[in-house]
Amino acid sequence: LGVIADTALIVNLILLLGILTLLEATLTLPGIAGIILTVGMAVDANVLIFERIKEEIKIEKSNIHAFDAGYKKAQTAILDANVTTLISTIILFFLGSGPVKGFAITLGVGILTTLFSAYFFARHLTSFYVMKNKDKDIKI
């Protein structure tokens, strides 16, 4: 499952850089800081999800149910952290100037790509992996 997390992280970065390119954003030092913070939040989302799945595997008899329960239970914590940060970036964007706005844009887009990569991309890859190995012990 580590390969899935790594793949989701790479997809997240590609999406982030692609969207920033479409927005014609200039990459500055605050923008790089926003990218680094985005990577940290993406790693945090993956850790929360896989730890919840690991806890559910100990409780549940079925890998499929453990997968579903793990994602559902991690969803609240991940959304809380990301929405709170997104609100902060909106405030920074409207109250900040130049470099602060660049940081806010980079981090805001990064939060959205993190949510996409965690809830759609990584979830589908993990679902495929769990369905393929539903009767085997999954090592997380």
C-alpha atoms as a PDB file:
ATOM      1  CA  LEU A   1       0.000   0.000   0.000  1.00  0.00           C
ATOM      2  CA  GLY A   2       3.000   2.273   0.301  1.00  0.00           C
ATOM      3  CA  VAL A   3       3.297   2.230  -3.489  1.00  0.00           C
ATOM      4  CA  ILE A   4      -0.297   3.463  -3.704  1.00  0.00           C
ATOM      5  CA  ALA A   5       0.436   6.316  -1.288  1.00  0.00           C
ATOM      6  CA  ASP A   6       3.566   7.253  -3.234  1.00  0.00           C
ATOM      7  CA  THR A   7       1.689   7.151  -6.540  1.00  0.00           C
ATOM      8  CA  ALA A   8      -1.089   9.333  -5.120  1.00  0.00           C
ATOM      9  CA  LEU A   9       1.518  11.804  -3.885  1.00  0.00           C
ATOM     10  CA  ILE A  10       3.133  12.000  -7.330  1.00  0.00           C
ATOM     11  CA  VAL A  11      -0.279  12.462  -8.988  1.00  0.00           C
ATOM     12  CA  ASN A  12      -1.028  15.182  -6.436  1.00  0.00           C
ATOM     13  CA  LEU A  13       2.173  17.059  -7.322  1.00  0.00           C
ATOM     14  CA  ILE A  14       1.580  16.686 -11.068  1.00  0.00           C
ATOM     15  CA  LEU A  15      -1.973  18.024 -10.696  1.00  0.00           C
ATOM     16  CA  LEU A  16      -0.778  20.888  -8.504  1.00  0.00           C
ATOM     17  CA  LEU A  17       1.970  21.932 -10.911  1.00  0.00           C
ATOM     18  CA  GLY A  18      -0.391  21.535 -13.879  1.00  0.00           C
ATOM     19  CA  ILE A  19      -3.056  23.753 -12.343  1.00  0.00           C
ATOM     20  CA  LEU A  20      -0.468  26.338 -11.291  1.00  0.00           C
ATOM     21  CA  THR A  21       0.821  26.333 -14.872  1.00  0.00           C
ATOM     22  CA  LEU A  22      -2.709  26.873 -16.199  1.00  0.00           C
ATOM     23  CA  LEU A  23      -3.102  29.779 -13.769  1.00  0.00           C
ATOM     24  CA  GLU A  24       0.232  31.131 -15.042  1.00  0.00           C
ATOM     25  CA  ALA A  25       1.467  31.340 -11.454  1.00  0.00           C
ATOM     26  CA  THR A  26       5.101  32.263 -10.916  1.00  0.00           C
ATOM     27  CA  LEU A  27       6.875  29.891  -8.573  1.00  0.00           C
ATOM     28  CA  THR A  28       8.482  31.899  -5.780  1.00  0.00           C
ATOM     29  CA  LEU A  29       9.940  30.908  -2.421  1.00  0.00           C
ATOM     30  CA  PRO A  30       6.542  31.252  -0.672  1.00  0.00           C
ATOM     31  CA  GLY A  31       5.041  29.158  -3.481  1.00  0.00           C
ATOM     32  CA  ILE A  32       7.625  26.447  -2.871  1.00  0.00           C
ATOM     33  CA  ALA A  33       6.732  26.597   0.835  1.00  0.00           C
ATOM     34  CA  GLY A  34       3.085  26.078  -0.168  1.00  0.00           C
ATOM     35  CA  ILE A  35       4.062  23.027  -2.221  1.00  0.00           C
ATOM     36  CA  ILE A  36       6.050  21.592   0.693  1.00  0.00           C
ATOM     37  CA  LEU A  37       3.103  22.135   3.044  1.00  0.00           C
ATOM     38  CA  THR A  38       0.822  20.496   0.478  1.00  0.00           C
ATOM     39  CA  VAL A  39       3.077  17.432   0.374  1.00  0.00           C
ATOM     40  CA  GLY A  40       2.995  17.280   4.170  1.00  0.00           C
ATOM     41  CA  MET A  41      -0.790  17.425   4.235  1.00  0.00           C
ATOM     42  CA  ALA A  42      -1.034  14.760   1.530  1.00  0.00           C
ATOM     43  CA  VAL A  43       1.265  12.467   3.510  1.00  0.00           C
ATOM     44  CA  ASP A  44      -0.833  13.142   6.621  1.00  0.00           C
ATOM     45  CA  ALA A  45      -4.018  12.195   4.750  1.00  0.00           C
ATOM     46  CA  ASN A  46      -2.485   8.927   3.559  1.00  0.00           C
ATOM     47  CA  VAL A  47      -1.175   8.088   7.039  1.00  0.00           C
ATOM     48  CA  LEU A  48      -4.589   8.743   8.597  1.00  0.00           C
ATOM     49  CA  ILE A  49      -6.369   6.618   6.012  1.00  0.00           C
ATOM     50  CA  PHE A  50      -3.994   3.661   6.166  1.00  0.00           C
ATOM     51  CA  GLU A  51      -3.816   3.720   9.981  1.00  0.00           C
ATOM     52  CA  ARG A  52      -7.615   3.630  10.147  1.00  0.00           C
ATOM     53  CA  ILE A  53      -7.676   0.749   7.686  1.00  0.00           C
ATOM     54  CA  LYS A  54      -5.067  -1.059   9.793  1.00  0.00           C
ATOM     55  CA  GLU A  55      -7.207  -0.581  12.920  1.00  0.00           C
ATOM     56  CA  GLU A  56     -10.277  -1.838  11.092  1.00  0.00           C
ATOM     57  CA  ILE A  57      -8.457  -4.914   9.780  1.00  0.00           C
ATOM     58  CA  LYS A  58      -7.841  -5.931  13.409  1.00  0.00           C
ATOM     59  CA  ILE A  59     -11.567  -5.583  14.171  1.00  0.00           C
ATOM     60  CA  GLU A  60     -13.267  -6.654  10.935  1.00  0.00           C
ATOM     61  CA  LYS A  61     -13.178 -10.109   9.421  1.00  0.00           C
ATOM     62  CA  SER A  62     -13.395  -8.800   5.874  1.00  0.00           C
ATOM     63  CA  ASN A  63     -10.732  -6.695   4.177  1.00  0.00           C
ATOM     64  CA  ILE A  64     -13.422  -4.995   2.105  1.00  0.00           C
ATOM     65  CA  HIS A  65     -15.373  -3.859   5.183  1.00  0.00           C
ATOM     66  CA  ALA A  66     -12.146  -2.759   6.876  1.00  0.00           C
ATOM     67  CA  PHE A  67     -11.264  -0.690   3.810  1.00  0.00           C
ATOM     68  CA  ASP A  68     -14.677   1.011   3.699  1.00  0.00           C
ATOM     69  CA  ALA A  69     -14.760   1.675   7.440  1.00  0.00           C
ATOM     70  CA  GLY A  70     -11.186   2.958   7.437  1.00  0.00           C
ATOM     71  CA  TYR A  71     -11.884   5.501   4.720  1.00  0.00           C
ATOM     72  CA  LYS A  72     -15.145   6.616   6.341  1.00  0.00           C
ATOM     73  CA  LYS A  73     -13.569   7.075   9.777  1.00  0.00           C
ATOM     74  CA  ALA A  74     -10.551   8.959   8.421  1.00  0.00           C
ATOM     75  CA  GLN A  75     -12.693  11.251   6.288  1.00  0.00           C
ATOM     76  CA  THR A  76     -13.768  13.560   9.125  1.00  0.00           C
ATOM     77  CA  ALA A  77     -10.258  14.237  10.412  1.00  0.00           C
ATOM     78  CA  ILE A  78      -8.874  14.809   6.914  1.00  0.00           C
ATOM     79  CA  LEU A  79     -11.698  17.118   5.863  1.00  0.00           C
ATOM     80  CA  ASP A  80     -11.457  19.111   9.115  1.00  0.00           C
ATOM     81  CA  ALA A  81      -7.732  19.701   8.683  1.00  0.00           C
ATOM     82  CA  ASN A  82      -7.986  20.569   4.997  1.00  0.00           C
ATOM     83  CA  VAL A  83     -11.061  22.804   5.240  1.00  0.00           C
ATOM     84  CA  THR A  84      -9.530  24.704   8.165  1.00  0.00           C
ATOM     85  CA  THR A  85      -6.356  25.259   6.167  1.00  0.00           C
ATOM     86  CA  LEU A  86      -8.368  26.237   3.086  1.00  0.00           C
ATOM     87  CA  ILE A  87     -10.235  28.875   5.105  1.00  0.00           C
ATOM     88  CA  SER A  88      -6.874  30.215   6.292  1.00  0.00           C
ATOM     89  CA  THR A  89      -5.585  30.399   2.721  1.00  0.00           C
ATOM     90  CA  ILE A  90      -8.678  32.328   1.620  1.00  0.00           C
ATOM     91  CA  ILE A  91      -8.121  34.833   4.432  1.00  0.00           C
ATOM     92  CA  LEU A  92      -4.424  35.106   3.526  1.00  0.00           C
ATOM     93  CA  PHE A  93      -5.302  35.660  -0.120  1.00  0.00           C
ATOM     94  CA  PHE A  94      -7.670  38.539   0.593  1.00  0.00           C
ATOM     95  CA  LEU A  95      -5.642  40.178   3.362  1.00  0.00           C
ATOM     96  CA  GLY A  96      -2.126  39.491   2.107  1.00  0.00           C
ATOM     97  CA  SER A  97      -0.013  41.055  -0.579  1.00  0.00           C
ATOM     98  CA  GLY A  98       2.317  39.733  -3.327  1.00  0.00           C
ATOM     99  CA  PRO A  99       4.243  36.760  -1.918  1.00  0.00           C
ATOM    100  CA  VAL A 100       1.568  35.971   0.679  1.00  0.00           C
ATOM    101  CA  LYS A 101      -1.055  35.753  -2.071  1.00  0.00           C
ATOM    102  CA  GLY A 102       1.234  33.422  -4.033  1.00  0.00           C
ATOM    103  CA  PHE A 103       1.602  31.199  -0.981  1.00  0.00           C
ATOM    104  CA  ALA A 104      -2.174  31.223  -0.455  1.00  0.00           C
ATOM    105  CA  ILE A 105      -2.900  30.314  -4.080  1.00  0.00           C
ATOM    106  CA  THR A 106      -0.337  27.509  -4.114  1.00  0.00           C
ATOM    107  CA  LEU A 107      -1.528  26.078  -0.805  1.00  0.00           C
ATOM    108  CA  GLY A 108      -5.216  26.448  -1.697  1.00  0.00           C
ATOM    109  CA  VAL A 109      -4.804  24.624  -4.996  1.00  0.00           C
ATOM    110  CA  GLY A 110      -2.622  22.068  -3.207  1.00  0.00           C
ATOM    111  CA  ILE A 111      -5.334  21.350  -0.658  1.00  0.00           C
ATOM    112  CA  LEU A 112      -7.861  20.734  -3.415  1.00  0.00           C
ATOM    113  CA  THR A 113      -5.488  18.425  -5.302  1.00  0.00           C
ATOM    114  CA  THR A 114      -4.679  16.618  -2.042  1.00  0.00           C
ATOM    115  CA  LEU A 115      -8.355  15.935  -1.401  1.00  0.00           C
ATOM    116  CA  PHE A 116      -8.763  14.712  -4.974  1.00  0.00           C
ATOM    117  CA  SER A 117      -5.736  12.440  -4.850  1.00  0.00           C
ATOM    118  CA  ALA A 118      -6.654  11.014  -1.430  1.00  0.00           C
ATOM    119  CA  TYR A 119     -10.379  10.485  -1.979  1.00  0.00           C
ATOM    120  CA  PHE A 120     -10.553   9.581  -5.631  1.00  0.00           C
ATOM    121  CA  PHE A 121      -7.226   8.425  -6.966  1.00  0.00           C
ATOM    122  CA  ALA A 122      -5.768   6.631  -3.928  1.00  0.00           C
ATOM    123  CA  ARG A 123      -9.155   5.283  -2.880  1.00  0.00           C
ATOM    124  CA  HIS A 124      -9.724   3.634  -6.256  1.00  0.00           C
ATOM    125  CA  LEU A 125      -6.227   2.150  -6.330  1.00  0.00           C
ATOM    126  CA  THR A 126      -6.615   0.898  -2.762  1.00  0.00           C
ATOM    127  CA  SER A 127     -10.059  -0.490  -3.579  1.00  0.00           C
ATOM    128  CA  PHE A 128      -8.620  -2.382  -6.541  1.00  0.00           C
ATOM    129  CA  TYR A 129      -5.818  -3.758  -4.346  1.00  0.00           C
ATOM    130  CA  VAL A 130      -8.211  -4.801  -1.558  1.00  0.00           C
ATOM    131  CA  MET A 131     -10.638  -6.476  -3.983  1.00  0.00           C
ATOM    132  CA  LYS A 132      -7.766  -8.367  -5.569  1.00  0.00           C
ATOM    133  CA  ASN A 133      -6.498  -9.500  -2.152  1.00  0.00           C
ATOM    134  CA  LYS A 134      -9.799  -9.787  -0.281  1.00  0.00           C
ATOM    135  CA  ASP A 135      -9.015 -13.229   1.119  1.00  0.00           C
ATOM    136  CA  LYS A 136      -5.349 -12.580   1.920  1.00  0.00           C
ATOM    137  CA  ASP A 137      -3.682 -10.815   4.821  1.00  0.00           C
ATOM    138  CA  ILE A 138      -3.017  -7.223   3.837  1.00  0.00           C
ATOM    139  CA  LYS A 139       0.165  -5.795   5.274  1.00  0.00           C
ATOM    140  CA  ILE A 140       0.052  -2.099   5.966  1.00  0.00           C
END
